[in-house]
Amino acid sequence: MITIAQITKSLTDIEKRVLAEIKESEKNGYSDAKIRAALLKSGASPQTISKCMKLAHPLLTNVWLWVSIATFVLVISTALFVYLSPHPECTTDSDCSRGYECIA
């Protein structure tokens, strides 16, 4: 697996400066939109900015992380729906779906 450090070593000097500027601007509380606008104004190419933004936010681009989170939420939601859904009244013990005894 390729690490961020290995990718950073293969960056050009401009990309390294753009990445450093992104990280510094984020520390100072600037939004991605403002950072992108400032970098475009300074002459950085949109491709360079996009590449460096992805490197600055590796978790946001990790597909498996989002698939795992979505699966977890789906499983929990389904379990809660099944558990909390209303059950019809039963009239005999054989009508009770979860092994309860009917009290009629």
Protein backbone atom coordinates (compact mmCIF):
# COMPACT_ATOMS: atom_id res chain seq x y z
CA MET A 1 0.00 0.00 0.00
CA ILE A 2 1.30 3.44 -0.91
CA THR A 3 1.55 5.87 1.99
CA ILE A 4 1.02 9.62 2.01
CA ALA A 5 4.75 10.07 2.72
CA GLN A 6 5.67 8.16 -0.44
CA ILE A 7 3.25 10.23 -2.52
CA THR A 8 4.55 13.45 -1.00
CA LYS A 9 8.11 12.56 -2.03
CA SER A 10 7.02 12.27 -5.66
CA LEU A 11 5.39 15.73 -5.74
CA THR A 12 6.89 18.60 -7.70
CA ASP A 13 8.11 21.67 -5.82
CA ILE A 14 4.97 23.58 -6.79
CA GLU A 15 2.73 20.77 -5.54
CA LYS A 16 4.66 20.65 -2.26
CA ARG A 17 4.19 24.41 -1.81
CA VAL A 18 0.48 24.17 -2.65
CA LEU A 19 0.02 21.28 -0.21
CA ALA A 20 1.85 23.20 2.53
CA GLU A 21 -0.31 26.27 1.86
CA ILE A 22 -3.49 24.18 2.07
CA LYS A 23 -2.46 22.68 5.41
CA GLU A 24 -1.42 26.06 6.81
CA SER A 25 -4.63 27.74 5.65
CA GLU A 26 -6.73 24.97 7.20
CA LYS A 27 -4.90 25.45 10.50
CA ASN A 28 -5.89 29.11 10.32
CA GLY A 29 -9.55 28.14 9.84
CA TYR A 30 -10.07 28.91 6.15
CA SER A 31 -12.65 26.88 4.22
CA ASP A 32 -11.69 24.74 1.23
CA ALA A 33 -13.50 27.16 -1.09
CA LYS A 34 -11.50 30.16 0.16
CA ILE A 35 -8.25 28.20 -0.01
CA ARG A 36 -9.01 27.08 -3.56
CA ALA A 37 -9.88 30.65 -4.62
CA ALA A 38 -6.66 32.03 -3.11
CA LEU A 39 -4.55 29.35 -4.79
CA LEU A 40 -6.20 29.96 -8.17
CA LYS A 41 -5.56 33.70 -7.75
CA SER A 42 -1.90 32.98 -6.98
CA GLY A 43 -1.53 31.11 -10.28
CA ALA A 44 -1.73 27.45 -9.24
CA SER A 45 -3.46 25.22 -11.78
CA PRO A 46 -6.85 23.70 -10.92
CA GLN A 47 -5.41 20.19 -11.45
CA THR A 48 -2.60 20.84 -8.97
CA ILE A 49 -5.03 22.26 -6.41
CA SER A 50 -7.39 19.27 -6.75
CA LYS A 51 -4.53 16.79 -6.41
CA CYS A 52 -3.20 18.53 -3.31
CA MET A 53 -6.67 18.88 -1.77
CA LYS A 54 -7.09 15.10 -2.07
CA LEU A 55 -3.73 14.58 -0.40
CA ALA A 56 -4.65 17.01 2.38
CA HIS A 57 -7.93 15.13 3.03
CA PRO A 58 -7.15 11.43 2.59
CA LEU A 59 -10.13 10.21 4.65
CA LEU A 60 -12.64 12.03 2.47
CA THR A 61 -11.51 10.12 -0.60
CA ASN A 62 -11.36 6.67 1.02
CA VAL A 63 -14.23 4.80 -0.63
CA TRP A 64 -14.04 1.79 1.67
CA LEU A 65 -14.42 4.00 4.74
CA TRP A 66 -17.69 5.45 3.39
CA VAL A 67 -18.96 2.04 2.27
CA SER A 68 -18.29 0.67 5.76
CA ILE A 69 -20.05 3.57 7.44
CA ALA A 70 -23.06 3.28 5.11
CA THR A 71 -23.31 -0.48 5.71
CA PHE A 72 -23.13 -0.01 9.46
CA VAL A 73 -25.86 2.63 9.43
CA LEU A 74 -28.05 0.46 7.19
CA VAL A 75 -27.69 -2.60 9.44
CA ILE A 76 -28.44 -0.62 12.61
CA SER A 77 -31.43 1.11 10.97
CA THR A 78 -32.85 -2.20 9.78
CA ALA A 79 -32.41 -3.80 13.19
CA LEU A 80 -34.11 -0.88 14.92
CA PHE A 81 -36.97 -0.91 12.41
CA VAL A 82 -37.60 -4.63 12.92
CA TYR A 83 -37.29 -4.41 16.70
CA LEU A 84 -39.40 -1.27 17.14
CA SER A 85 -42.09 -1.97 14.54
CA PRO A 86 -45.54 -2.63 16.00
CA HIS A 87 -46.68 -6.23 16.10
CA PRO A 88 -50.26 -7.31 15.59
CA GLU A 89 -52.23 -8.54 18.55
CA CYS A 90 -52.38 -12.29 18.83
CA THR A 91 -55.32 -14.34 19.93
CA THR A 92 -53.62 -17.71 20.43
CA ASP A 93 -50.09 -18.75 21.42
CA SER A 94 -49.38 -19.95 17.87
CA ASP A 95 -50.09 -16.43 16.56
CA CYS A 96 -47.34 -14.86 18.64
CA SER A 97 -44.33 -14.28 16.42
CA ARG A 98 -41.55 -14.01 19.00
CA GLY A 99 -42.37 -16.86 21.30
CA TYR A 100 -44.50 -14.83 23.69
CA GLU A 101 -47.54 -16.28 25.29
CA CYS A 102 -50.86 -14.64 24.56
CA ILE A 103 -52.87 -13.38 27.42
CA ALA A 104 -56.44 -13.24 26.23
